[in-house]
């Protein structure tokens, strides 16, 4: 019973202390808000401000995205070409008189990739 009372006293004192710390923290944030602007005051004026930096960052991001899409399209076209060639070879191997069919598929593949 004595242990329970002591445990409740310690627990309630910790809760009270946590509440006091919370109130102090809230007051501190209210009267002294954190400065989230990590730039120096002169840096924003010298480089054209945030709007100019945003334009530059957006342009770089767009260019990088465009390059990535182009590379991905090239790789996809190469992979597709390889798959079609393998399929054409399989058709050629499985068909007894299929030389003309396989050649027709290969002609279609080579003419189709010229458009990309």
PDB file of N, CA and C in Angstrom:
ATOM      1  N   UNK A   1       0.814  -1.183   0.000  1.00  0.00           N
ATOM      2  CA  UNK A   1       0.000   0.000   0.000  1.00  0.00           C
ATOM      3  C   UNK A   1       0.867   1.259   0.000  1.00  0.00           C
ATOM      4  N   UNK A   2       1.909   1.227   0.764  1.00  0.00           N
ATOM      5  CA  UNK A   2       2.825   2.350   0.809  1.00  0.00           C
ATOM      6  C   UNK A   2       3.528   2.516  -0.533  1.00  0.00           C
ATOM      7  N   UNK A   3       3.854   1.372  -1.158  1.00  0.00           N
ATOM      8  CA  UNK A   3       4.498   1.414  -2.468  1.00  0.00           C
ATOM      9  C   UNK A   3       3.561   1.999  -3.525  1.00  0.00           C
ATOM     10  N   UNK A   4       2.282   1.684  -3.447  1.00  0.00           N
ATOM     11  CA  UNK A   4       1.313   2.214  -4.385  1.00  0.00           C
ATOM     12  C   UNK A   4       1.180   3.729  -4.242  1.00  0.00           C
ATOM     13  N   UNK A   5       1.157   4.206  -3.040  1.00  0.00           N
ATOM     14  CA  UNK A   5       1.044   5.640  -2.786  1.00  0.00           C
ATOM     15  C   UNK A   5       2.286   6.351  -3.316  1.00  0.00           C
ATOM     16  N   UNK A   6       3.445   5.762  -3.041  1.00  0.00           N
ATOM     17  CA  UNK A   6       4.694   6.356  -3.535  1.00  0.00           C
ATOM     18  C   UNK A   6       4.713   6.366  -5.070  1.00  0.00           C
ATOM     19  N   UNK A   7       4.278   5.274  -5.678  1.00  0.00           N
ATOM     20  CA  UNK A   7       4.233   5.179  -7.135  1.00  0.00           C
ATOM     21  C   UNK A   7       3.296   6.226  -7.716  1.00  0.00           C
ATOM     22  N   UNK A   8       2.133   6.419  -7.108  1.00  0.00           N
ATOM     23  CA  UNK A   8       1.188   7.431  -7.581  1.00  0.00           C
ATOM     24  C   UNK A   8       1.759   8.833  -7.420  1.00  0.00           C
ATOM     25  N   UNK A   9       2.457   9.078  -6.321  1.00  0.00           N
ATOM     26  CA  UNK A   9       3.052  10.382  -6.079  1.00  0.00           C
ATOM     27  C   UNK A   9       4.126  10.694  -7.115  1.00  0.00           C
ATOM     28  N   UNK A  10       4.976   9.708  -7.386  1.00  0.00           N
ATOM     29  CA  UNK A  10       6.037   9.903  -8.376  1.00  0.00           C
ATOM     30  C   UNK A  10       5.439  10.109  -9.759  1.00  0.00           C
ATOM     31  N   UNK A  11       4.456   9.293 -10.100  1.00  0.00           N
ATOM     32  CA  UNK A  11       3.819   9.394 -11.407  1.00  0.00           C
ATOM     33  C   UNK A  11       3.129  10.743 -11.578  1.00  0.00           C
ATOM     34  N   UNK A  12       2.397  11.172 -10.570  1.00  0.00           N
ATOM     35  CA  UNK A  12       1.694  12.451 -10.683  1.00  0.00           C
ATOM     36  C   UNK A  12       2.681  13.614 -10.718  1.00  0.00           C
ATOM     37  N   UNK A  13       3.793  13.494  -9.989  1.00  0.00           N
ATOM     38  CA  UNK A  13       4.775  14.581 -10.031  1.00  0.00           C
ATOM     39  C   UNK A  13       5.430  14.644 -11.406  1.00  0.00           C
ATOM     40  N   UNK A  14       5.670  13.480 -12.035  1.00  0.00           N
ATOM     41  CA  UNK A  14       6.231  13.483 -13.386  1.00  0.00           C
ATOM     42  C   UNK A  14       5.249  14.097 -14.376  1.00  0.00           C
ATOM     43  N   UNK A  15       3.977  13.762 -14.217  1.00  0.00           N
ATOM     44  CA  UNK A  15       2.956  14.347 -15.089  1.00  0.00           C
ATOM     45  C   UNK A  15       2.895  15.854 -14.908  1.00  0.00           C
ATOM     46  N   UNK A  16       2.938  16.297 -13.667  1.00  0.00           N
ATOM     47  CA  UNK A  16       2.899  17.735 -13.399  1.00  0.00           C
ATOM     48  C   UNK A  16       4.113  18.425 -13.998  1.00  0.00           C
ATOM     49  N   UNK A  17       5.283  17.815 -13.812  1.00  0.00           N
ATOM     50  CA  UNK A  17       6.505  18.401 -14.362  1.00  0.00           C
ATOM     51  C   UNK A  17       6.446  18.450 -15.888  1.00  0.00           C
ATOM     52  N   UNK A  18       5.911  17.406 -16.511  1.00  0.00           N
ATOM     53  CA  UNK A  18       5.748  17.400 -17.967  1.00  0.00           C
ATOM     54  C   UNK A  18       4.799  18.493 -18.425  1.00  0.00           C
ATOM     55  N   UNK A  19       3.742  18.726 -17.674  1.00  0.00           N
ATOM     56  CA  UNK A  19       2.805  19.790 -18.024  1.00  0.00           C
ATOM     57  C   UNK A  19       3.475  21.153 -17.917  1.00  0.00           C
ATOM     58  N   UNK A  20       4.261  21.363 -16.866  1.00  0.00           N
ATOM     59  CA  UNK A  20       4.957  22.633 -16.685  1.00  0.00           C
ATOM     60  C   UNK A  20       5.931  22.856 -17.837  1.00  0.00           C
ATOM     61  N   UNK A  21       6.693  21.817 -18.204  1.00  0.00           N
ATOM     62  CA  UNK A  21       7.631  21.942 -19.325  1.00  0.00           C
ATOM     63  C   UNK A  21       6.893  22.245 -20.623  1.00  0.00           C
ATOM     64  N   UNK A  22       5.741  21.635 -20.808  1.00  0.00           N
ATOM     65  CA  UNK A  22       4.959  21.873 -22.008  1.00  0.00           C
ATOM     66  C   UNK A  22       4.486  23.323 -22.074  1.00  0.00           C
ATOM     67  N   UNK A  23       3.979  23.854 -20.968  1.00  0.00           N
ATOM     68  CA  UNK A  23       3.538  25.256 -20.937  1.00  0.00           C
ATOM     69  C   UNK A  23       4.691  26.205 -21.199  1.00  0.00           C
ATOM     70  N   UNK A  24       5.838  25.937 -20.605  1.00  0.00           N
ATOM     71  CA  UNK A  24       7.010  26.793 -20.818  1.00  0.00           C
ATOM     72  C   UNK A  24       7.415  26.765 -22.293  1.00  0.00           C
ATOM     73  N   UNK A  25       7.410  25.591 -22.882  1.00  0.00           N
ATOM     74  CA  UNK A  25       7.764  25.456 -24.290  1.00  0.00           C
ATOM     75  C   UNK A  25       6.790  26.215 -25.179  1.00  0.00           C
ATOM     76  N   UNK A  26       5.496  26.118 -24.895  1.00  0.00           N
ATOM     77  CA  UNK A  26       4.494  26.836 -25.688  1.00  0.00           C
ATOM     78  C   UNK A  26       4.659  28.349 -25.574  1.00  0.00           C
ATOM     79  N   UNK A  27       4.927  28.830 -24.353  1.00  0.00           N
ATOM     80  CA  UNK A  27       5.152  30.268 -24.171  1.00  0.00           C
ATOM     81  C   UNK A  27       6.400  30.730 -24.926  1.00  0.00           C
ATOM     82  N   UNK A  28       7.443  29.925 -24.849  1.00  0.00           N
ATOM     83  CA  UNK A  28       8.682  30.284 -25.549  1.00  0.00           C
ATOM     84  C   UNK A  28       8.447  30.359 -27.055  1.00  0.00           C
ATOM     85  N   UNK A  29       7.715  29.400 -27.605  1.00  0.00           N
ATOM     86  CA  UNK A  29       7.425  29.425 -29.036  1.00  0.00           C
ATOM     87  C   UNK A  29       6.531  30.605 -29.417  1.00  0.00           C
ATOM     88  N   UNK A  30       5.637  30.976 -28.506  1.00  0.00           N
ATOM     89  CA  UNK A  30       4.740  32.085 -28.802  1.00  0.00           C
ATOM     90  C   UNK A  30       5.488  33.416 -28.838  1.00  0.00           C
ATOM     91  N   UNK A  31       6.367  33.633 -27.892  1.00  0.00           N
ATOM     92  CA  UNK A  31       7.053  34.920 -27.807  1.00  0.00           C
ATOM     93  C   UNK A  31       8.372  34.958 -28.568  1.00  0.00           C
ATOM     94  N   UNK A  32       8.986  33.820 -28.785  1.00  0.00           N
ATOM     95  CA  UNK A  32      10.253  33.751 -29.524  1.00  0.00           C
ATOM     96  C   UNK A  32      10.169  32.644 -30.572  1.00  0.00           C
ATOM     97  N   UNK A  33       9.470  32.897 -31.675  1.00  0.00           N
ATOM     98  CA  UNK A  33       9.323  31.846 -32.696  1.00  0.00           C
ATOM     99  C   UNK A  33      10.678  31.518 -33.331  1.00  0.00           C
ATOM    100  N   UNK A  34      10.845  30.291 -33.782  1.00  0.00           N
ATOM    101  CA  UNK A  34      12.125  29.910 -34.388  1.00  0.00           C
ATOM    102  C   UNK A  34      12.328  30.604 -35.731  1.00  0.00           C
ATOM    103  N   UNK A  35      13.557  30.906 -36.040  1.00  0.00           N
ATOM    104  CA  UNK A  35      13.910  31.526 -37.312  1.00  0.00           C
ATOM    105  C   UNK A  35      14.215  30.402 -38.295  1.00  0.00           C
ATOM    106  N   UNK A  36      13.296  30.141 -39.205  1.00  0.00           N
ATOM    107  CA  UNK A  36      13.471  29.048 -40.156  1.00  0.00           C
ATOM    108  C   UNK A  36      14.181  29.487 -41.432  1.00  0.00           C
ATOM    109  N   UNK A  37      14.426  30.774 -41.576  1.00  0.00           N
ATOM    110  CA  UNK A  37      15.140  31.289 -42.742  1.00  0.00           C
ATOM    111  C   UNK A  37      16.630  31.185 -42.461  1.00  0.00           C
ATOM    112  N   UNK A  38      17.299  30.234 -43.110  1.00  0.00           N
ATOM    113  CA  UNK A  38      18.704  29.968 -42.827  1.00  0.00           C
ATOM    114  C   UNK A  38      19.649  30.818 -43.664  1.00  0.00           C
ATOM    115  N   UNK A  39      19.107  31.632 -44.549  1.00  0.00           N
ATOM    116  CA  UNK A  39      19.944  32.499 -45.378  1.00  0.00           C
ATOM    117  C   UNK A  39      20.349  33.733 -44.590  1.00  0.00           C
ATOM    118  N   UNK A  40      21.427  34.344 -45.011  1.00  0.00           N
ATOM    119  CA  UNK A  40      21.772  35.630 -44.426  1.00  0.00           C
ATOM    120  C   UNK A  40      20.883  36.689 -45.060  1.00  0.00           C
ATOM    121  N   UNK A  41      20.776  37.833 -44.462  1.00  0.00           N
ATOM    122  CA  UNK A  41      19.884  38.880 -44.968  1.00  0.00           C
ATOM    123  C   UNK A  41      20.364  39.415 -46.311  1.00  0.00           C
ATOM    124  N   UNK A  42      21.665  39.488 -46.529  1.00  0.00           N
ATOM    125  CA  UNK A  42      22.206  40.010 -47.775  1.00  0.00           C
ATOM    126  C   UNK A  42      22.088  39.008 -48.921  1.00  0.00           C
ATOM    127  N   UNK A  43      22.073  37.738 -48.602  1.00  0.00           N
ATOM    128  CA  UNK A  43      22.039  36.690 -49.623  1.00  0.00           C
ATOM    129  C   UNK A  43      20.769  36.758 -50.457  1.00  0.00           C
ATOM    130  N   UNK A  44      19.639  37.011 -49.848  1.00  0.00           N
ATOM    131  CA  UNK A  44      18.373  37.063 -50.566  1.00  0.00           C
ATOM    132  C   UNK A  44      18.310  38.227 -51.542  1.00  0.00           C
ATOM    133  N   UNK A  45      18.880  39.356 -51.177  1.00  0.00           N
ATOM    134  CA  UNK A  45      18.843  40.527 -52.046  1.00  0.00           C
ATOM    135  C   UNK A  45      19.857  40.424 -53.172  1.00  0.00           C
ATOM    136  N   UNK A  46      21.020  39.834 -52.903  1.00  0.00           N
ATOM    137  CA  UNK A  46      22.088  39.768 -53.899  1.00  0.00           C
ATOM    138  C   UNK A  46      21.772  38.793 -55.027  1.00  0.00           C
ATOM    139  N   UNK A  47      21.111  37.705 -54.737  1.00  0.00           N
ATOM    140  CA  UNK A  47      20.865  36.667 -55.738  1.00  0.00           C
ATOM    141  C   UNK A  47      19.501  36.786 -56.408  1.00  0.00           C
ATOM    142  N   UNK A  48      18.815  37.867 -56.244  1.00  0.00           N
ATOM    143  CA  UNK A  48      17.543  38.041 -56.926  1.00  0.00           C
ATOM    144  C   UNK A  48      16.356  37.535 -56.142  1.00  0.00           C
ATOM    145  N   UNK A  49      16.546  37.129 -54.936  1.00  0.00           N
ATOM    146  CA  UNK A  49      15.434  36.701 -54.101  1.00  0.00           C
ATOM    147  C   UNK A  49      15.044  35.257 -54.325  1.00  0.00           C
ATOM    148  N   UNK A  50      14.050  34.866 -53.564  1.00  0.00           N
ATOM    149  CA  UNK A  50      13.599  33.473 -53.601  1.00  0.00           C
ATOM    150  C   UNK A  50      12.932  33.124 -54.921  1.00  0.00           C
ATOM    151  N   UNK A  51      12.237  34.080 -55.523  1.00  0.00           N
ATOM    152  CA  UNK A  51      11.545  33.801 -56.780  1.00  0.00           C
ATOM    153  C   UNK A  51      12.496  33.410 -57.890  1.00  0.00           C
ATOM    154  N   UNK A  52      13.612  34.090 -57.964  1.00  0.00           N
ATOM    155  CA  UNK A  52      14.612  33.784 -58.995  1.00  0.00           C
ATOM    156  C   UNK A  52      15.227  32.401 -58.768  1.00  0.00           C
ATOM    157  N   UNK A  53      15.520  32.101 -57.512  1.00  0.00           N
ATOM    158  CA  UNK A  53      16.095  30.779 -57.204  1.00  0.00           C
ATOM    159  C   UNK A  53      15.090  29.669 -57.490  1.00  0.00           C
ATOM    160  N   UNK A  54      13.812  29.928 -57.232  1.00  0.00           N
ATOM    161  CA  UNK A  54      12.782  28.930 -57.525  1.00  0.00           C
ATOM    162  C   UNK A  54      12.685  28.671 -59.020  1.00  0.00           C
ATOM    163  N   UNK A  55      12.775  29.747 -59.829  1.00  0.00           N
ATOM    164  CA  UNK A  55      12.737  29.583 -61.280  1.00  0.00           C
ATOM    165  C   UNK A  55      13.910  28.741 -61.752  1.00  0.00           C
ATOM    166  N   UNK A  56      15.105  29.023 -61.232  1.00  0.00           N
ATOM    167  CA  UNK A  56      16.291  28.266 -61.630  1.00  0.00           C
ATOM    168  C   UNK A  56      16.161  26.798 -61.222  1.00  0.00           C
ATOM    169  N   UNK A  57      15.702  26.563 -60.000  1.00  0.00           N
ATOM    170  CA  UNK A  57      15.558  25.184 -59.523  1.00  0.00           C
ATOM    171  C   UNK A  57      14.518  24.430 -60.338  1.00  0.00           C
ATOM    172  N   UNK A  58      13.419  25.100 -60.684  1.00  0.00           N
ATOM    173  CA  UNK A  58      12.374  24.465 -61.485  1.00  0.00           C
ATOM    174  C   UNK A  58      12.888  24.133 -62.884  1.00  0.00           C
ATOM    175  N   UNK A  59      13.646  25.043 -63.461  1.00  0.00           N
ATOM    176  CA  UNK A  59      14.190  24.816 -64.799  1.00  0.00           C
ATOM    177  C   UNK A  59      15.165  23.639 -64.787  1.00  0.00           C
ATOM    178  N   UNK A  60      16.051  23.588 -63.788  1.00  0.00           N
ATOM    179  CA  UNK A  60      16.997  22.471 -63.691  1.00  0.00           C
ATOM    180  C   UNK A  60      16.257  21.156 -63.504  1.00  0.00           C
ATOM    181  N   UNK A  61      15.230  21.167 -62.665  1.00  0.00           N
ATOM    182  CA  UNK A  61      14.453  19.955 -62.415  1.00  0.00           C
ATOM    183  C   UNK A  61      13.753  19.486 -63.686  1.00  0.00           C
ATOM    184  N   UNK A  62      13.192  20.423 -64.434  1.00  0.00           N
ATOM    185  CA  UNK A  62      12.509  20.075 -65.681  1.00  0.00           C
ATOM    186  C   UNK A  62      13.487  19.485 -66.689  1.00  0.00           C
ATOM    187  N   UNK A  63      14.666  20.095 -66.818  1.00  0.00           N
ATOM    188  CA  UNK A  63      15.670  19.588 -67.759  1.00  0.00           C
ATOM    189  C   UNK A  63      16.118  18.183 -67.373  1.00  0.00           C
ATOM    190  N   UNK A  64      16.332  17.957 -66.083  1.00  0.00           N
ATOM    191  CA  UNK A  64      16.750  16.636 -65.613  1.00  0.00           C
ATOM    192  C   UNK A  64      15.652  15.606 -65.871  1.00  0.00           C
ATOM    193  N   UNK A  65      14.404  15.990 -65.637  1.00  0.00           N
ATOM    194  CA  UNK A  65      13.282  15.078 -65.889  1.00  0.00           C
ATOM    195  C   UNK A  65      13.184  14.736 -67.365  1.00  0.00           C
ATOM    196  N   UNK A  66      13.386  15.728 -68.221  1.00  0.00           N
ATOM    197  CA  UNK A  66      13.316  15.508 -69.658  1.00  0.00           C
ATOM    198  C   UNK A  66      14.407  14.532 -70.099  1.00  0.00           C
ATOM    199  N   UNK A  67      15.632  14.720 -69.578  1.00  0.00           N
ATOM    200  CA  UNK A  67      16.736  13.811 -69.912  1.00  0.00           C
ATOM    201  C   UNK A  67      16.419  12.390 -69.453  1.00  0.00           C
ATOM    202  N   UNK A  68      15.865  12.270 -68.264  1.00  0.00           N
ATOM    203  CA  UNK A  68      15.537  10.953 -67.721  1.00  0.00           C
ATOM    204  C   UNK A  68      14.493  10.257 -68.577  1.00  0.00           C
ATOM    205  N   UNK A  69      13.476  10.985 -68.995  1.00  0.00           N
ATOM    206  CA  UNK A  69      12.422  10.397 -69.840  1.00  0.00           C
ATOM    207  C   UNK A  69      12.991   9.957 -71.181  1.00  0.00           C
ATOM    208  N   UNK A  70      13.861  10.767 -71.771  1.00  0.00           N
ATOM    209  CA  UNK A  70      14.465  10.409 -73.053  1.00  0.00           C
ATOM    210  C   UNK A  70      15.324   9.149 -72.922  1.00  0.00           C
ATOM    211  N   UNK A  71      16.130   9.077 -71.866  1.00  0.00           N
ATOM    212  CA  UNK A  71      16.964   7.893 -71.658  1.00  0.00           C
ATOM    213  C   UNK A  71      16.108   6.653 -71.437  1.00  0.00           C
ATOM    214  N   UNK A  72      15.044   6.809 -70.667  1.00  0.00           N
ATOM    215  CA  UNK A  72      14.157   5.675 -70.402  1.00  0.00           C
ATOM    216  C   UNK A  72      13.491   5.198 -71.680  1.00  0.00           C
ATOM    217  N   UNK A  73      13.079   6.118 -72.533  1.00  0.00           N
ATOM    218  CA  UNK A  73      12.449   5.746 -73.799  1.00  0.00           C
ATOM    219  C   UNK A  73      13.433   4.997 -74.698  1.00  0.00           C
ATOM    220  N   UNK A  74      14.685   5.461 -74.732  1.00  0.00           N
ATOM    221  CA  UNK A  74      15.693   4.770 -75.543  1.00  0.00           C
ATOM    222  C   UNK A  74      15.925   3.351 -75.035  1.00  0.00           C
ATOM    223  N   UNK A  75      16.058   3.219 -73.708  1.00  0.00           N
ATOM    224  CA  UNK A  75      16.279   1.894 -73.140  1.00  0.00           C
ATOM    225  C   UNK A  75      15.081   0.974 -73.391  1.00  0.00           C
ATOM    226  N   UNK A  76      13.890   1.509 -73.267  1.00  0.00           N
ATOM    227  CA  UNK A  76      12.694   0.700 -73.515  1.00  0.00           C
ATOM    228  C   UNK A  76      12.643   0.250 -74.970  1.00  0.00           C
ATOM    229  N   UNK A  77      13.009   1.134 -75.891  1.00  0.00           N
ATOM    230  CA  UNK A  77      13.017   0.774 -77.316  1.00  0.00           C
ATOM    231  C   UNK A  77      14.052  -0.311 -77.591  1.00  0.00           C
ATOM    232  N   UNK A  78      15.228  -0.185 -76.976  1.00  0.00           N
ATOM    233  CA  UNK A  78      16.268  -1.204 -77.168  1.00  0.00           C
ATOM    234  C   UNK A  78      15.823  -2.549 -76.620  1.00  0.00           C
ATOM    235  N   UNK A  79      15.214  -2.539 -75.433  1.00  0.00           N
ATOM    236  CA  UNK A  79      14.751  -3.795 -74.837  1.00  0.00           C
ATOM    237  C   UNK A  79      13.659  -4.427 -75.690  1.00  0.00           C
ATOM    238  N   UNK A  80      12.760  -3.615 -76.197  1.00  0.00           N
ATOM    239  CA  UNK A  80      11.689  -4.134 -77.032  1.00  0.00           C
ATOM    240  C   UNK A  80      12.251  -4.727 -78.314  1.00  0.00           C
ATOM    241  N   UNK A  81      13.241  -4.062 -78.884  1.00  0.00           N
ATOM    242  CA  UNK A  81      13.868  -4.568 -80.102  1.00  0.00           C
ATOM    243  C   UNK A  81      14.508  -5.932 -79.845  1.00  0.00           C
ATOM    244  N   UNK A  82      15.189  -6.067 -78.717  1.00  0.00           N
ATOM    245  CA  UNK A  82      15.812  -7.345 -78.377  1.00  0.00           C
ATOM    246  C   UNK A  82      14.762  -8.440 -78.212  1.00  0.00           C
ATOM    247  N   UNK A  83      13.650  -8.117 -77.530  1.00  0.00           N
ATOM    248  CA  UNK A  83      12.591  -9.107 -77.327  1.00  0.00           C
ATOM    249  C   UNK A  83      11.965  -9.526 -78.655  1.00  0.00           C
ATOM    250  N   UNK A  84      11.750  -8.577 -79.547  1.00  0.00           N
ATOM    251  CA  UNK A  84      11.172  -8.905 -80.844  1.00  0.00           C
ATOM    252  C   UNK A  84      12.134  -9.766 -81.658  1.00  0.00           C
ATOM    253  N   UNK A  85      13.433  -9.451 -81.591  1.00  0.00           N
ATOM    254  CA  UNK A  85      14.428 -10.261 -82.307  1.00  0.00           C
ATOM    255  C   UNK A  85      14.465 -11.679 -81.766  1.00  0.00           C
ATOM    256  N   UNK A  86      14.405 -11.822 -80.449  1.00  0.00           N
ATOM    257  CA  UNK A  86      14.392 -13.168 -79.857  1.00  0.00           C
ATOM    258  C   UNK A  86      13.143 -13.929 -80.264  1.00  0.00           C
ATOM    259  N   UNK A  87      12.012 -13.236 -80.267  1.00  0.00           N
ATOM    260  CA  UNK A  87      10.760 -13.882 -80.682  1.00  0.00           C
ATOM    261  C   UNK A  87      10.835 -14.291 -82.142  1.00  0.00           C
ATOM    262  N   UNK A  88      11.398 -13.444 -82.971  1.00  0.00           N
ATOM    263  CA  UNK A  88      11.541 -13.764 -84.394  1.00  0.00           C
ATOM    264  C   UNK A  88      12.439 -14.976 -84.570  1.00  0.00           C
ATOM    265  N   UNK A  89      13.510 -15.053 -83.782  1.00  0.00           N
ATOM    266  CA  UNK A  89      14.403 -16.217 -83.873  1.00  0.00           C
ATOM    267  C   UNK A  89      13.677 -17.489 -83.443  1.00  0.00           C
ATOM    268  N   UNK A  90      12.852 -17.382 -82.391  1.00  0.00           N
ATOM    269  CA  UNK A  90      12.095 -18.555 -81.944  1.00  0.00           C
ATOM    270  C   UNK A  90      11.105 -19.004 -83.010  1.00  0.00           C
ATOM    271  N   UNK A  91      10.441 -18.044 -83.627  1.00  0.00           N
ATOM    272  CA  UNK A  91       9.494 -18.381 -84.687  1.00  0.00           C
ATOM    273  C   UNK A  91      10.237 -19.037 -85.837  1.00  0.00           C
ATOM    274  N   UNK A  92      11.390 -18.522 -86.150  1.00  0.00           N
ATOM    275  CA  UNK A  92      12.189 -19.060 -87.246  1.00  0.00           C
ATOM    276  C   UNK A  92      12.629 -20.492 -86.940  1.00  0.00           C
ATOM    277  N   UNK A  93      13.022 -20.734 -85.690  1.00  0.00           N
ATOM    278  CA  UNK A  93      13.479 -22.066 -85.303  1.00  0.00           C
ATOM    279  C   UNK A  93      12.339 -23.077 -85.244  1.00  0.00           C
ATOM    280  N   UNK A  94      11.164 -22.650 -84.795  1.00  0.00           N
ATOM    281  CA  UNK A  94      10.065 -23.597 -84.618  1.00  0.00           C
ATOM    282  C   UNK A  94       9.314 -23.885 -85.906  1.00  0.00           C
ATOM    283  N   UNK A  95       9.335 -22.978 -86.830  1.00  0.00           N
ATOM    284  CA  UNK A  95       8.603 -23.164 -88.077  1.00  0.00           C
ATOM    285  C   UNK A  95       9.528 -23.794 -89.113  1.00  0.00           C
ATOM    286  N   UNK A  96       9.054 -24.814 -89.778  1.00  0.00           N
ATOM    287  CA  UNK A  96       9.919 -25.504 -90.742  1.00  0.00           C
ATOM    288  C   UNK A  96      10.163 -24.665 -91.993  1.00  0.00           C
ATOM    289  N   UNK A  97       9.149 -24.039 -92.542  1.00  0.00           N
ATOM    290  CA  UNK A  97       9.317 -23.224 -93.739  1.00  0.00           C
ATOM    291  C   UNK A  97       9.153 -21.751 -93.392  1.00  0.00           C
ATOM    292  N   UNK A  98       9.601 -21.366 -92.237  1.00  0.00           N
ATOM    293  CA  UNK A  98       9.310 -20.025 -91.749  1.00  0.00           C
ATOM    294  C   UNK A  98      10.355 -18.983 -92.040  1.00  0.00           C
ATOM    295  N   UNK A  99      11.225 -19.202 -93.008  1.00  0.00           N
ATOM    296  CA  UNK A  99      12.239 -18.190 -93.306  1.00  0.00           C
ATOM    297  C   UNK A  99      11.598 -16.878 -93.742  1.00  0.00           C
ATOM    298  N   UNK A 100      10.565 -16.965 -94.534  1.00  0.00           N
ATOM    299  CA  UNK A 100       9.921 -15.745 -95.015  1.00  0.00           C
ATOM    300  C   UNK A 100       9.195 -15.032 -93.871  1.00  0.00           C
ATOM    301  N   UNK A 101       8.571 -15.792 -92.968  1.00  0.00           N
ATOM    302  CA  UNK A 101       7.850 -15.191 -91.848  1.00  0.00           C
ATOM    303  C   UNK A 101       8.825 -14.478 -90.915  1.00  0.00           C
ATOM    304  N   UNK A 102       9.938 -15.122 -90.578  1.00  0.00           N
ATOM    305  CA  UNK A 102      10.928 -14.513 -89.691  1.00  0.00           C
ATOM    306  C   UNK A 102      11.549 -13.280 -90.339  1.00  0.00           C
ATOM    307  N   UNK A 103      11.821 -13.356 -91.650  1.00  0.00           N
ATOM    308  CA  UNK A 103      12.383 -12.199 -92.341  1.00  0.00           C
ATOM    309  C   UNK A 103      11.387 -11.048 -92.357  1.00  0.00           C
ATOM    310  N   UNK A 104      10.113 -11.378 -92.502  1.00  0.00           N
ATOM    311  CA  UNK A 104       9.089 -10.341 -92.511  1.00  0.00           C
ATOM    312  C   UNK A 104       9.020  -9.653 -91.139  1.00  0.00           C
ATOM    313  N   UNK A 105       9.128 -10.434 -90.066  1.00  0.00           N
ATOM    314  CA  UNK A 105       9.112  -9.862 -88.708  1.00  0.00           C
ATOM    315  C   UNK A 105      10.328  -8.977 -88.502  1.00  0.00           C
ATOM    316  N   UNK A 106      11.498  -9.423 -88.943  1.00  0.00           N
ATOM    317  CA  UNK A 106      12.724  -8.636 -88.784  1.00  0.00           C
ATOM    318  C   UNK A 106      12.645  -7.339 -89.572  1.00  0.00           C
ATOM    319  N   UNK A 107      12.068  -7.367 -90.772  1.00  0.00           N
ATOM    320  CA  UNK A 107      11.900  -6.151 -91.554  1.00  0.00           C
ATOM    321  C   UNK A 107      10.978  -5.167 -90.847  1.00  0.00           C
ATOM    322  N   UNK A 108       9.925  -5.703 -90.239  1.00  0.00           N
ATOM    323  CA  UNK A 108       8.978  -4.851 -89.501  1.00  0.00           C
ATOM    324  C   UNK A 108       9.668  -4.207 -88.316  1.00  0.00           C
ATOM    325  N   UNK A 109      10.494  -4.950 -87.582  1.00  0.00           N
ATOM    326  CA  UNK A 109      11.201  -4.433 -86.416  1.00  0.00           C
ATOM    327  C   UNK A 109      12.158  -3.326 -86.832  1.00  0.00           C
ATOM    328  N   UNK A 110      12.943  -3.545 -87.861  1.00  0.00           N
ATOM    329  CA  UNK A 110      13.926  -2.536 -88.248  1.00  0.00           C
ATOM    330  C   UNK A 110      13.254  -1.288 -88.794  1.00  0.00           C
ATOM    331  N   UNK A 111      12.161  -1.423 -89.530  1.00  0.00           N
ATOM    332  CA  UNK A 111      11.483  -0.234 -90.054  1.00  0.00           C
ATOM    333  C   UNK A 111      10.726   0.497 -88.949  1.00  0.00           C
ATOM    334  N   UNK A 112      10.237  -0.217 -87.947  1.00  0.00           N
ATOM    335  CA  UNK A 112       9.480   0.408 -86.852  1.00  0.00           C
ATOM    336  C   UNK A 112      10.347   1.246 -85.942  1.00  0.00           C
ATOM    337  N   UNK A 113      11.618   0.912 -85.780  1.00  0.00           N
ATOM    338  CA  UNK A 113      12.486   1.666 -84.874  1.00  0.00           C
ATOM    339  C   UNK A 113      13.071   2.902 -85.509  1.00  0.00           C
ATOM    340  N   UNK A 114      12.969   3.023 -86.801  1.00  0.00           N
ATOM    341  CA  UNK A 114      13.456   4.233 -87.454  1.00  0.00           C
ATOM    342  C   UNK A 114      12.604   5.436 -87.054  1.00  0.00           C
ATOM    343  N   UNK A 115      11.351   5.177 -86.692  1.00  0.00           N
ATOM    344  CA  UNK A 115      10.439   6.260 -86.323  1.00  0.00           C
ATOM    345  C   UNK A 115      10.794   6.837 -84.979  1.00  0.00           C
ATOM    346  N   UNK A 116      11.370   6.049 -84.074  1.00  0.00           N
ATOM    347  CA  UNK A 116      11.694   6.540 -82.743  1.00  0.00           C
ATOM    348  C   UNK A 116      12.868   7.447 -82.845  1.00  0.00           C
TER     349      UNK A 116
END
